[in-house]
Protein backbone atom coordinates (compact mmCIF):
# COMPACT_ATOMS: atom_id res chain seq x y z
CA UNK A 1 -56.02 14.31 17.93
CA UNK A 2 -57.34 11.12 19.52
CA UNK A 3 -57.71 8.62 16.69
CA UNK A 4 -58.93 5.51 18.48
CA UNK A 5 -59.54 3.96 21.87
CA UNK A 6 -59.40 0.21 22.48
CA UNK A 7 -60.71 -1.23 25.74
CA UNK A 8 -60.46 -4.79 27.02
CA UNK A 9 -62.08 -6.11 30.23
CA UNK A 10 -62.55 -2.76 31.97
CA UNK A 11 -65.41 -2.98 34.55
CA UNK A 12 -68.48 -3.76 32.38
CA UNK A 13 -66.77 -3.46 28.99
CA UNK A 14 -65.33 -6.74 27.73
CA UNK A 15 -64.21 -5.58 24.28
CA UNK A 16 -64.59 -2.20 22.62
CA UNK A 17 -62.84 -0.42 19.75
CA UNK A 18 -63.80 3.19 19.02
CA UNK A 19 -62.61 5.48 16.24
CA UNK A 20 -62.75 9.26 16.64
CA UNK A 21 -62.57 12.08 14.14
CA UNK A 22 -61.96 15.81 14.43
CA UNK A 23 -64.54 18.20 15.79
CA UNK A 24 -67.11 17.50 18.49
CA UNK A 25 -68.10 13.93 19.45
CA UNK A 26 -71.03 13.36 21.82
CA UNK A 27 -71.45 10.36 24.12
CA UNK A 28 -74.98 9.82 25.38
CA UNK A 29 -76.92 7.09 27.15
CA UNK A 30 -79.08 6.37 30.14
CA UNK A 31 -77.78 7.23 33.58
CA UNK A 32 -75.60 4.38 34.85
CA UNK A 33 -74.98 2.98 31.37
CA UNK A 34 -71.23 3.30 31.78
CA UNK A 35 -70.17 6.63 30.34
CA UNK A 36 -67.77 7.11 33.25
CA UNK A 37 -66.20 3.73 32.47
CA UNK A 38 -65.29 5.00 29.03
CA UNK A 39 -63.57 8.06 30.48
CA UNK A 40 -61.93 5.89 33.11
CA UNK A 41 -60.47 3.69 30.39
CA UNK A 42 -59.12 6.76 28.60
CA UNK A 43 -57.61 7.94 31.87
CA UNK A 44 -56.05 4.52 32.43
CA UNK A 45 -54.33 4.71 29.04
CA UNK A 46 -53.13 8.22 29.85
CA UNK A 47 -51.44 7.32 33.12
CA UNK A 48 -54.15 7.98 35.70
CA UNK A 49 -54.04 6.11 38.99
CA UNK A 50 -55.13 2.51 38.44
CA UNK A 51 -57.21 0.51 40.90
CA UNK A 52 -57.84 -3.22 40.68
CA UNK A 53 -61.58 -2.54 40.68
CA UNK A 54 -61.26 -1.52 37.02
CA UNK A 55 -60.58 -5.16 36.04
CA UNK A 56 -63.75 -6.86 34.83
CA UNK A 57 -64.96 -9.60 37.15
CA UNK A 58 -63.55 -12.93 36.05
CA UNK A 59 -60.81 -11.41 33.85
CA UNK A 60 -57.10 -11.72 34.55
CA UNK A 61 -56.31 -8.19 33.46
CA UNK A 62 -57.76 -5.02 31.96
CA UNK A 63 -56.15 -2.95 29.22
CA UNK A 64 -56.73 0.33 27.44
CA UNK A 65 -54.90 1.69 24.38
CA UNK A 66 -55.26 5.22 23.04
CA UNK A 67 -53.85 6.17 19.64
CA UNK A 68 -53.06 9.84 19.02
CA UNK A 69 -51.85 11.77 15.99
CA UNK A 70 -50.20 14.95 17.36
CA UNK A 71 -49.29 17.87 15.12
CA UNK A 72 -45.69 18.12 13.92
CA UNK A 73 -44.97 21.00 16.33
CA UNK A 74 -46.63 19.36 19.35
CA UNK A 75 -44.49 19.39 22.54
CA UNK A 76 -45.04 15.66 22.95
CA UNK A 77 -42.27 14.92 20.44
CA UNK A 78 -39.62 16.55 22.62
CA UNK A 79 -40.75 14.46 25.61
CA UNK A 80 -40.61 11.26 23.55
CA UNK A 81 -37.10 12.11 22.34
CA UNK A 82 -35.96 12.85 25.88
CA UNK A 83 -37.38 9.51 27.03
CA UNK A 84 -35.63 7.62 24.23
CA UNK A 85 -38.84 6.48 22.55
CA UNK A 86 -38.41 6.02 18.81
CA UNK A 87 -41.17 8.15 17.33
CA UNK A 88 -41.26 11.31 15.28
CA UNK A 89 -43.66 13.79 13.66
CA UNK A 90 -46.02 12.11 11.23
CA UNK A 91 -46.19 8.91 13.28
CA UNK A 92 -48.93 7.90 15.73
CA UNK A 93 -48.33 7.94 19.47
CA UNK A 94 -49.80 4.87 21.16
CA UNK A 95 -50.33 4.87 24.92
CA UNK A 96 -51.17 1.45 26.36
CA UNK A 97 -51.74 0.35 29.94
CA UNK A 98 -52.52 -3.08 31.31
CA UNK A 99 -53.79 -3.64 34.85
CA UNK A 100 -53.69 -7.07 36.49
CA UNK A 101 -56.30 -8.39 38.89
CA UNK A 102 -53.60 -8.13 41.58
CA UNK A 103 -53.40 -4.36 41.06
CA UNK A 104 -50.06 -4.33 39.22
CA UNK A 105 -49.90 -2.37 36.00
CA UNK A 106 -47.57 -2.08 33.01
CA UNK A 107 -47.20 0.83 30.63
CA UNK A 108 -46.09 0.95 26.98
CA UNK A 109 -45.50 3.82 24.58
CA UNK A 110 -45.46 2.80 20.92
CA UNK A 111 -45.12 -0.83 22.09
CA UNK A 112 -41.97 0.04 24.05
CA UNK A 113 -41.98 -0.55 27.83
CA UNK A 114 -42.30 2.74 29.71
CA UNK A 115 -42.94 4.07 33.17
CA UNK A 116 -46.42 5.08 34.29
CA UNK A 117 -44.91 8.50 34.99
CA UNK A 118 -43.99 8.92 31.32
CA UNK A 119 -47.47 7.76 30.31
CA UNK A 120 -49.01 10.38 32.61
CA UNK A 121 -46.69 13.10 31.30
CA UNK A 122 -47.63 12.33 27.71
CA UNK A 123 -51.30 12.08 28.63
CA UNK A 124 -51.25 15.52 30.24
CA UNK A 125 -49.81 16.97 27.03
CA UNK A 126 -52.44 15.40 24.78
CA UNK A 127 -55.66 15.13 26.83
CA UNK A 128 -57.43 17.67 29.02
CA UNK A 129 -60.40 16.39 31.02
CA UNK A 130 -62.89 18.78 32.56
CA UNK A 131 -65.22 17.08 34.97
CA UNK A 132 -66.88 17.53 38.31
CA UNK A 133 -64.05 15.95 40.24
CA UNK A 134 -61.10 16.36 37.94
CA UNK A 135 -58.30 18.60 39.20
CA UNK A 136 -56.22 18.74 36.04
CA UNK A 137 -56.06 21.24 33.21
CA UNK A 138 -57.72 24.55 33.93
CA UNK A 139 -58.52 23.52 37.49
CA UNK A 140 -54.86 23.00 38.35
CA UNK A 141 -53.49 26.29 39.81
CA UNK A 142 -50.02 25.42 38.52
CA UNK A 143 -51.28 25.95 34.95
CA UNK A 144 -52.90 29.35 35.47
CA UNK A 145 -49.84 31.52 34.95
CA UNK A 146 -48.87 29.91 31.64
CA UNK A 147 -52.50 29.99 30.45
CA UNK A 148 -52.76 33.71 31.21
CA UNK A 149 -49.44 34.32 29.46
CA UNK A 150 -50.70 32.50 26.37
CA UNK A 151 -53.83 34.69 26.42
CA UNK A 152 -51.65 37.80 26.81
CA UNK A 153 -49.27 36.82 24.00
CA UNK A 154 -46.42 37.22 26.46
CA UNK A 155 -43.83 35.00 24.78
CA UNK A 156 -41.36 37.84 24.18
CA UNK A 157 -41.81 39.28 27.68
CA UNK A 158 -41.36 35.84 29.27
CA UNK A 159 -38.23 35.26 27.20
CA UNK A 160 -36.83 38.60 28.38
CA UNK A 161 -37.52 37.66 32.01
CA UNK A 162 -35.98 34.23 31.56
CA UNK A 163 -32.86 35.76 30.04
CA UNK A 164 -32.59 38.34 32.81
CA UNK A 165 -33.04 35.60 35.41
CA UNK A 166 -30.23 33.62 33.79
CA UNK A 167 -27.97 36.67 34.08
CA UNK A 168 -28.92 37.09 37.76
CA UNK A 169 -28.20 33.43 38.45
CA UNK A 170 -24.81 33.62 36.73
CA UNK A 171 -23.86 36.83 38.57
CA UNK A 172 -24.91 35.38 41.92
CA UNK A 173 -22.96 32.19 41.29
CA UNK A 174 -19.83 34.19 40.43
CA UNK A 175 -20.17 36.35 43.56
CA UNK A 176 -20.65 33.27 45.76
CA UNK A 177 -17.61 31.61 44.20
CA UNK A 178 -15.41 34.68 44.65
CA UNK A 179 -16.57 35.17 48.24
CA UNK A 180 -15.95 31.52 49.06
CA UNK A 181 -12.54 31.55 47.38
CA UNK A 182 -11.54 34.68 49.25
CA UNK A 183 -12.57 33.20 52.58
CA UNK A 184 -10.73 29.94 51.98
CA UNK A 185 -7.65 31.71 50.65
CA UNK A 186 -7.53 34.12 53.59
CA UNK A 187 -7.55 31.18 56.02
CA UNK A 188 -4.43 29.72 54.43
CA UNK A 189 -2.63 32.92 53.45
CA UNK A 190 0.44 32.28 55.64
CA UNK A 191 0.79 28.78 54.27
CA UNK A 192 0.43 30.06 50.71
CA UNK A 193 3.11 32.71 51.16
CA UNK A 194 5.56 30.30 52.77
CA UNK A 195 4.95 27.71 50.08
CA UNK A 196 5.31 30.25 47.29
CA UNK A 197 8.56 31.61 48.77
CA UNK A 198 9.96 28.09 49.02
CA UNK A 199 8.99 27.29 45.43
CA UNK A 200 10.40 30.59 44.21
CA UNK A 201 13.71 29.75 45.88
CA UNK A 202 13.63 26.25 44.44
CA UNK A 203 12.61 27.54 41.00
CA UNK A 204 11.49 24.16 39.60
CA UNK A 205 11.31 23.62 35.86
CA UNK A 206 9.18 21.22 33.87
CA UNK A 207 11.18 18.15 32.83
CA UNK A 208 13.94 18.87 35.34
CA UNK A 209 13.23 15.75 37.43
CA UNK A 210 13.72 13.39 34.48
CA UNK A 211 16.89 15.19 33.35
CA UNK A 212 18.42 15.09 36.83
CA UNK A 213 17.50 11.44 37.26
CA UNK A 214 19.26 10.56 34.00
CA UNK A 215 22.33 12.59 34.95
CA UNK A 216 22.47 10.97 38.38
CA UNK A 217 22.45 7.52 36.85
CA UNK A 218 25.28 8.54 34.49
CA UNK A 219 27.34 10.00 37.29
CA UNK A 220 26.87 6.93 39.45
CA UNK A 221 28.29 4.79 36.60
CA UNK A 222 31.02 7.20 35.51
CA UNK A 223 33.69 6.22 38.10
CA UNK A 224 33.55 2.51 37.32
CA UNK A 225 33.50 3.19 33.58
CA UNK A 226 36.52 5.49 33.84
CA UNK A 227 38.50 2.79 35.68
CA UNK A 228 37.78 0.23 32.98
CA UNK A 229 38.82 2.66 30.25
CA UNK A 230 42.06 3.48 32.06
CA UNK A 231 42.87 -0.24 32.45
CA UNK A 232 42.30 -0.71 28.73
CA UNK A 233 44.58 2.21 27.90
CA UNK A 234 47.31 0.89 30.16
CA UNK A 235 47.07 -2.52 28.50
CA UNK A 236 47.77 -0.90 25.17
CA UNK A 237 50.55 1.43 26.17
CA UNK A 238 52.19 -0.06 29.29
CA UNK A 239 55.73 -1.68 29.17
CA UNK A 240 56.61 -3.16 25.76
CA UNK A 241 53.20 -2.26 24.47
CA UNK A 242 51.70 -3.24 21.21
CA UNK A 243 52.59 0.08 19.60
CA UNK A 244 56.31 -0.43 20.26
CA UNK A 245 56.26 -4.01 19.01
CA UNK A 246 54.36 -3.00 15.83
CA UNK A 247 56.88 -0.20 15.21
CA UNK A 248 59.85 -2.56 15.71
CA UNK A 249 58.37 -5.13 13.34
CA UNK A 250 57.63 -2.50 10.71
CA UNK A 251 61.27 -1.17 10.86
CA UNK A 252 62.58 -4.72 10.39
CA UNK A 253 60.45 -5.17 7.31
CA UNK A 254 61.68 -1.84 5.99
CA UNK A 255 65.27 -3.12 6.30
CA UNK A 256 64.33 -6.38 4.49
CA UNK A 257 62.77 -4.41 1.66
CA UNK A 258 65.91 -2.29 1.40
CA UNK A 259 68.07 -5.41 1.25
CA UNK A 260 65.96 -7.03 -1.43
CA UNK A 261 66.16 -3.93 -3.48
CA UNK A 262 70.04 -3.95 -3.28
CA UNK A 263 70.29 -7.64 -4.25
CA UNK A 264 68.34 -7.22 -7.39
CA UNK A 265 70.63 -4.48 -8.61
CA UNK A 266 73.68 -6.91 -8.58
CA UNK A 267 72.00 -9.35 -10.99
CA UNK A 268 70.48 -12.10 -8.83
CA UNK A 269 70.51 -15.41 -10.61
CA UNK A 270 66.90 -16.19 -9.47
CA UNK A 271 64.91 -13.21 -10.51
CA UNK A 272 61.57 -15.02 -10.05
CA UNK A 273 62.23 -15.84 -6.34
CA UNK A 274 63.32 -12.33 -5.51
CA UNK A 275 60.21 -10.77 -7.01
CA UNK A 276 57.97 -13.08 -5.01
CA UNK A 277 59.82 -12.26 -1.79
CA UNK A 278 59.60 -8.53 -2.38
CA UNK A 279 55.80 -8.84 -2.93
CA UNK A 280 55.33 -10.79 0.30
CA UNK A 281 57.41 -8.33 2.28
CA UNK A 282 55.46 -5.38 0.81
CA UNK A 283 52.13 -6.95 1.79
CA UNK A 284 53.38 -7.64 5.32
CA UNK A 285 54.68 -4.11 5.72
CA UNK A 286 51.41 -2.63 4.45
CA UNK A 287 49.42 -4.72 6.94
CA UNK A 288 51.67 -3.66 9.82
CA UNK A 289 51.32 -0.05 8.74
CA UNK A 290 47.54 -0.27 8.79
CA UNK A 291 47.61 -2.04 12.13
CA UNK A 292 49.76 0.67 13.58
CA UNK A 293 47.35 3.37 12.26
CA UNK A 294 44.28 1.55 13.73
CA UNK A 295 46.11 1.05 17.00
CA UNK A 296 46.88 4.74 17.25
CA UNK A 297 43.22 5.58 16.50
CA UNK A 298 42.13 3.12 19.18
CA UNK A 299 44.41 4.82 21.69
CA UNK A 300 42.95 8.22 20.76
CA UNK A 301 39.38 6.87 21.05
CA UNK A 302 40.12 5.40 24.48
CA UNK A 303 41.47 8.75 25.51
CA UNK A 304 38.35 10.54 24.29
CA UNK A 305 36.10 8.00 26.03
CA UNK A 306 37.97 8.44 29.28
CA UNK A 307 37.70 12.22 28.95
CA UNK A 308 33.91 11.87 28.52
CA UNK A 309 33.66 10.13 31.88
CA UNK A 310 35.79 12.67 33.69
CA UNK A 311 33.17 14.66 35.67
CA UNK A 312 33.31 17.73 37.85
CA UNK A 313 34.23 16.82 41.40
CA UNK A 314 31.17 16.96 43.64
CA UNK A 315 28.74 17.01 40.70
CA UNK A 316 27.01 13.82 41.82
CA UNK A 317 26.30 15.29 45.24
CA UNK A 318 24.97 18.48 43.69
CA UNK A 319 22.66 16.57 41.34
CA UNK A 320 21.34 14.36 44.12
CA UNK A 321 20.69 17.31 46.41
CA UNK A 322 18.74 19.09 43.67
CA UNK A 323 16.80 15.96 42.76
CA UNK A 324 15.92 15.16 46.36
CA UNK A 325 14.85 18.77 46.98
CA UNK A 326 12.48 18.67 43.99
CA UNK A 327 10.96 15.37 45.06
CA UNK A 328 10.59 16.46 48.67
CA UNK A 329 8.69 19.57 47.53
CA UNK A 330 6.49 17.41 45.30
CA UNK A 331 5.67 15.06 48.17
CA UNK A 332 4.92 17.98 50.46
CA UNK A 333 2.35 19.36 48.02
CA UNK A 334 1.16 15.91 46.87
CA UNK A 335 1.92 16.50 43.21
CA UNK A 336 4.35 15.15 40.64
CA UNK A 337 7.69 17.02 40.36
CA UNK A 338 6.79 18.25 36.88
CA UNK A 339 3.63 19.85 38.33
CA UNK A 340 5.60 22.13 40.67
CA UNK A 341 5.90 25.03 38.17
CA UNK A 342 2.11 24.98 37.64
CA UNK A 343 1.58 24.78 41.39
CA UNK A 344 3.80 27.79 41.84
CA UNK A 345 1.69 29.74 39.34
CA UNK A 346 -1.52 28.60 41.07
CA UNK A 347 -0.26 29.68 44.48
CA UNK A 348 0.70 33.04 43.04
CA UNK A 349 -2.79 33.40 41.54
CA UNK A 350 -4.44 32.50 44.85
CA UNK A 351 -2.33 35.05 46.68
CA UNK A 352 -3.20 37.58 44.02
CA UNK A 353 -6.85 36.76 44.70
CA UNK A 354 -6.31 37.55 48.36
CA UNK A 355 -4.50 40.77 47.54
CA UNK A 356 -7.20 41.90 45.11
CA UNK A 357 -10.19 39.94 46.42
CA UNK A 358 -11.95 43.00 47.70
CA UNK A 359 -11.93 44.65 44.30
CA UNK A 360 -13.18 41.53 42.57
CA UNK A 361 -15.95 40.93 45.07
CA UNK A 362 -17.04 44.55 44.72
CA UNK A 363 -17.14 44.14 40.94
CA UNK A 364 -19.20 40.95 41.30
CA UNK A 365 -21.59 42.65 43.73
CA UNK A 366 -22.06 45.53 41.29
CA UNK A 367 -22.66 43.08 38.44
CA UNK A 368 -25.27 41.23 40.52
CA UNK A 369 -27.07 44.46 41.41
CA UNK A 370 -27.13 45.47 37.74
CA UNK A 371 -28.49 42.06 36.73
CA UNK A 372 -31.13 42.24 39.48
CA UNK A 373 -32.17 45.69 38.29
CA UNK A 374 -32.50 44.41 34.70
CA UNK A 375 -34.54 41.47 35.98
CA UNK A 376 -36.80 43.72 38.02
CA UNK A 377 -37.51 45.88 34.96
CA UNK A 378 -38.31 42.81 32.85
CA UNK A 379 -40.45 41.25 35.60
CA UNK A 380 -42.38 44.50 36.12
CA UNK A 381 -43.08 44.72 32.40
CA UNK A 382 -44.35 41.14 32.43
CA UNK A 383 -46.50 41.90 35.48
CA UNK A 384 -48.08 44.88 33.70
CA UNK A 385 -48.77 42.69 30.66
CA UNK A 386 -50.36 40.02 32.85
CA UNK A 387 -52.49 42.50 34.76
CA UNK A 388 -53.82 43.95 31.53
CA UNK A 389 -54.52 40.45 30.20
CA UNK A 390 -56.16 39.58 33.53
CA UNK A 391 -58.67 42.38 33.15
CA UNK A 392 -59.48 41.38 29.58
CA UNK A 393 -59.73 37.67 30.38
CA UNK A 394 -61.93 38.29 33.43
CA UNK A 395 -64.34 40.41 31.37
CA UNK A 396 -64.42 37.85 28.56
CA UNK A 397 -65.11 34.92 30.88
CA UNK A 398 -67.87 36.77 32.74
CA UNK A 399 -69.47 37.58 29.37
CA UNK A 400 -69.52 33.86 28.60
CA UNK A 401 -70.98 32.91 31.99
CA UNK A 402 -74.32 34.67 31.53
CA UNK A 403 -75.53 32.47 28.64
CA UNK A 404 -74.46 29.43 30.68
CA UNK A 405 -76.93 30.36 33.47
CA UNK A 406 -74.18 31.62 35.69
CA UNK A 407 -74.94 35.32 35.33
CA UNK A 408 -74.51 35.90 39.06
CA UNK A 409 -71.08 34.32 39.14
CA UNK A 410 -67.96 36.38 38.85
CA UNK A 411 -64.49 35.40 37.65
CA UNK A 412 -61.10 36.99 37.97
CA UNK A 413 -57.57 36.06 37.06
CA UNK A 414 -55.70 37.22 40.15
CA UNK A 415 -52.17 38.51 39.49
CA UNK A 416 -50.20 39.15 42.67
CA UNK A 417 -46.58 40.34 42.32
CA UNK A 418 -44.29 38.66 44.83
CA UNK A 419 -40.78 40.12 44.44
CA UNK A 420 -39.59 38.00 47.37
CA UNK A 421 -39.99 34.89 45.21
CA UNK A 422 -38.58 35.65 41.77
CA UNK A 423 -37.93 33.02 39.13
CA UNK A 424 -37.39 32.47 35.39
CA UNK A 425 -41.11 33.06 34.71
CA UNK A 426 -41.32 36.23 36.78
CA UNK A 427 -42.43 36.87 40.34
CA UNK A 428 -46.21 36.85 39.93
CA UNK A 429 -48.64 34.44 41.55
CA UNK A 430 -51.54 33.85 39.17
CA UNK A 431 -54.76 32.17 40.29
CA UNK A 432 -58.15 31.77 38.62
CA UNK A 433 -60.74 32.67 41.26
CA UNK A 434 -64.53 32.72 41.26
CA UNK A 435 -67.41 34.01 43.30
CA UNK A 436 -70.62 32.09 42.62
CA UNK A 437 -73.03 34.26 44.58
CA UNK A 438 -73.44 38.03 44.95
CA UNK A 439 -71.40 39.34 47.84
CA UNK A 440 -69.53 36.07 48.30
CA UNK A 441 -65.75 36.35 48.49
CA UNK A 442 -63.55 35.13 45.67
CA UNK A 443 -61.87 31.78 46.12
CA UNK A 444 -59.95 29.20 44.10
CA UNK A 445 -61.85 27.89 41.11
CA UNK A 446 -61.48 24.25 42.12
CA UNK A 447 -62.61 24.97 45.70
CA UNK A 448 -65.57 27.34 45.25
CA UNK A 449 -67.39 26.00 42.18
CA UNK A 450 -69.29 22.76 42.57
CA UNK A 451 -70.91 20.12 40.40
CA UNK A 452 -71.60 21.15 36.82
CA UNK A 453 -70.39 24.68 37.57
CA UNK A 454 -66.79 23.48 37.31
CA UNK A 455 -67.30 22.17 33.79
CA UNK A 456 -69.12 25.31 32.70
CA UNK A 457 -66.41 27.55 34.14
CA UNK A 458 -63.87 25.41 32.28
CA UNK A 459 -65.89 25.69 29.08
CA UNK A 460 -66.13 29.48 29.38
CA UNK A 461 -62.41 29.71 30.06
CA UNK A 462 -61.54 27.46 27.16
CA UNK A 463 -63.64 29.53 24.79
CA UNK A 464 -61.85 32.69 25.92
CA UNK A 465 -58.32 31.32 26.00
CA UNK A 466 -56.13 30.62 23.01
CA UNK A 467 -57.36 27.05 22.46
CA UNK A 468 -56.41 23.58 23.47
CA UNK A 469 -52.71 23.73 22.54
CA UNK A 470 -53.08 20.52 20.57
CA UNK A 471 -54.99 18.71 23.33
CA UNK A 472 -58.08 16.55 23.11
CA UNK A 473 -60.63 18.28 25.35
CA UNK A 474 -63.05 16.07 27.26
CA UNK A 475 -66.07 17.57 29.04
CA UNK A 476 -67.95 15.35 31.47
CA UNK A 477 -71.58 16.42 31.97
CA UNK A 478 -70.83 20.10 31.40
CA UNK A 479 -74.60 20.54 31.00
CA UNK A 480 -75.55 19.10 34.38
CA UNK A 481 -78.59 20.78 35.84
CA UNK A 482 -79.35 22.97 32.84
CA UNK A 483 -81.60 22.70 29.84
CA UNK A 484 -83.30 24.69 27.12
CA UNK A 485 -81.48 27.83 26.04
CA UNK A 486 -78.64 27.27 28.50
CA UNK A 487 -77.96 23.78 27.20
CA UNK A 488 -78.07 25.19 23.68
CA UNK A 489 -75.52 27.84 24.68
CA UNK A 490 -73.29 25.07 26.05
CA UNK A 491 -73.61 23.17 22.77
CA UNK A 492 -72.76 26.27 20.74
CA UNK A 493 -69.60 26.87 22.73
CA UNK A 494 -68.51 23.26 22.57
CA UNK A 495 -68.97 23.25 18.80
CA UNK A 496 -67.02 26.50 18.49
CA UNK A 497 -64.24 25.12 20.69
CA UNK A 498 -64.01 21.91 18.67
CA UNK A 499 -64.09 23.64 15.29
CA UNK A 500 -60.30 23.93 15.17
CA UNK A 501 -59.47 20.83 17.16
CA UNK A 502 -61.20 17.93 18.87
CA UNK A 503 -63.54 17.67 21.83
CA UNK A 504 -65.50 14.85 23.47
CA UNK A 505 -68.54 15.57 25.61
CA UNK A 506 -70.51 13.24 27.87
CA UNK A 507 -73.97 14.78 27.90
CA UNK A 508 -77.61 14.31 28.82
CA UNK A 509 -78.69 17.44 26.92
CA UNK A 510 -80.18 16.93 23.45
CA UNK A 511 -79.21 20.51 22.57
CA UNK A 512 -75.56 19.60 23.14
CA UNK A 513 -75.69 16.23 21.38
CA UNK A 514 -77.33 17.84 18.34
CA UNK A 515 -74.28 20.06 17.84
CA UNK A 516 -71.89 17.10 17.59
CA UNK A 517 -70.35 15.87 14.37
CA UNK A 518 -70.19 12.31 15.69
CA UNK A 519 -72.60 10.69 18.12
CA UNK A 520 -72.01 7.54 20.21
CA UNK A 521 -74.59 5.84 22.38
CA UNK A 522 -73.58 3.92 25.49
CA UNK A 523 -75.91 1.09 26.58
CA UNK A 524 -75.90 -1.41 29.41
CA UNK A 525 -77.49 -4.81 28.95
CA UNK A 526 -78.05 -7.96 31.00
CA UNK A 527 -77.30 -11.39 29.60
CA UNK A 528 -76.39 -14.86 30.77
CA UNK A 529 -72.73 -13.75 30.64
CA UNK A 530 -73.55 -10.87 33.00
CA UNK A 531 -73.97 -7.10 32.72
CA UNK A 532 -72.20 -5.59 29.73
CA UNK A 533 -71.65 -2.03 28.50
CA UNK A 534 -71.54 -1.45 24.76
CA UNK A 535 -70.90 1.64 22.66
CA UNK A 536 -72.30 2.14 19.20
CA UNK A 537 -71.60 4.91 16.67
CA UNK A 538 -75.02 6.14 15.53
CA UNK A 539 -76.09 6.57 11.95
CA UNK A 540 -78.04 9.76 11.10
CA UNK A 541 -81.46 8.02 11.56
CA UNK A 542 -80.30 6.43 14.81
CA UNK A 543 -78.97 9.75 15.97
CA UNK A 544 -82.36 11.33 15.32
CA UNK A 545 -84.04 8.68 17.45
CA UNK A 546 -81.50 9.11 20.27
CA UNK A 547 -81.96 12.89 20.40
CA UNK A 548 -85.73 12.42 20.32
CA UNK A 549 -85.41 9.98 23.26
CA UNK A 550 -83.36 12.53 25.14
CA UNK A 551 -86.11 15.07 24.54
CA UNK A 552 -89.16 12.95 25.41
CA UNK A 553 -87.96 10.01 27.46
CA UNK A 554 -88.73 6.33 26.90
CA UNK A 555 -91.79 7.02 24.75
CA UNK A 556 -90.54 8.71 21.58
CA UNK A 557 -93.24 10.83 19.94
CA UNK A 558 -93.45 12.34 16.50
CA UNK A 559 -93.24 15.75 18.16
CA UNK A 560 -89.98 14.71 19.75
CA UNK A 561 -88.64 13.55 16.38
CA UNK A 562 -89.64 16.86 14.84
CA UNK A 563 -87.91 18.72 17.65
CA UNK A 564 -84.82 16.55 17.12
CA UNK A 565 -84.85 17.43 13.43
CA UNK A 566 -85.02 21.10 14.34
CA UNK A 567 -82.10 20.82 16.77
CA UNK A 568 -79.96 18.92 14.27
CA UNK A 569 -80.69 21.43 11.53
CA UNK A 570 -79.11 24.32 13.44
């Protein structure tokens, strides 16, 4: 619902703030008072093309702000979320546009800078203008198919078609991929086989490069290390080595200990000195014994270390050959050595694709044909649903045209299946077409109808369709060229259309204005400051006078007031 419209310095309007409610609101006034300016300001806020002529003379810029309160399930919320605008159900949506005297404009959504494209997209979702020269809404052929589907209640059928189309798209993509893979693989089959044979002979393993590199480094150092260990062993055991000297010393101490033991048995006159000597000799012998044990262990350890560095003759050459072969293969295929096993598996899979490509392509072709058959069944069912809805909608619209003084006009919702151009919404071309005179051929609604006929066709269509889908509906002079009972019929339909939503109508017909729940009068006045357009919400007495003026002209009579009372009482 449109809650308010604020206008600043737009053509003849210097400052205007309007508040709207639900139901039908009528805008009336003398010809040339500026009703079109009001709609132009609304269009400016909703992303219409802006021209510098909209800026009031003498002003630096013009601006228009429209405040909406969409329903919680309105599609506008998804668009706002996609655009990154912080707004959610329950909050107002504010569209604001400023236009400089130089022709440059800026757009804001909820006070956040936005593109004019986003403003227009949001405006299309929330406002639908039906006028003599407006090509949006019902007059836009791109909307006809979805409008007919809404009338037909075709949600389930459309979903089935969309799902079937998704399956067709997936099957076609798979077939194209398999066909392309087969063609590319066939071109390089000889290379693949040679490469796979070479890798099979090489038989690379993950982690082998690092292990061989470590072993190579060890082998390169082993010869020098073995020489050092052998030199150390020779230093310990060569000539009168340390082991022999330690053994000789230990035997000498053993003889001293034996001698000390013999002396004590003959009654040495200095027992205290002998005891001390024996203790010292024992400690020295024990130390030599330990030294000899450690020395022997050291010799064994040197032997073990030397054995560890004794390698198989030719092992270094074998390791280097293997390592260089792995790295050469990796360079040839432009991968790391550890990736060679995976490459081997990939080459095998690609060759398998060549060997079995025909079978797989045949399977994909069969799957595509099955998906296309399912899609055709779903699309045909949707076509039948649309054609049935087309007949019902055409009859309903033509029934509405007679009271609108268009009894000679004919309407049809043309549904033309076009299997050569399928899509997620089916393969039908849907167009709303009219014939305004007996015997005249049908043609596009926006091309054949003229003047007020367009608005009346739109009104009849809107009454017959499922409603405004949460949009504010604006009708510009839908009553042009009609009066009396026809104007009353227009008013009835506008009131019925607005009963569950909101509609604005610019009208010269008192029968239409009398049906409105809110009435605004647009006036133009001259002053020292220049020509100005003002809009005033009428009170019930003022509304009576305005409808009486519309009935009788400048001179309002009591008869006109009585007629106004009668119209307003309906």
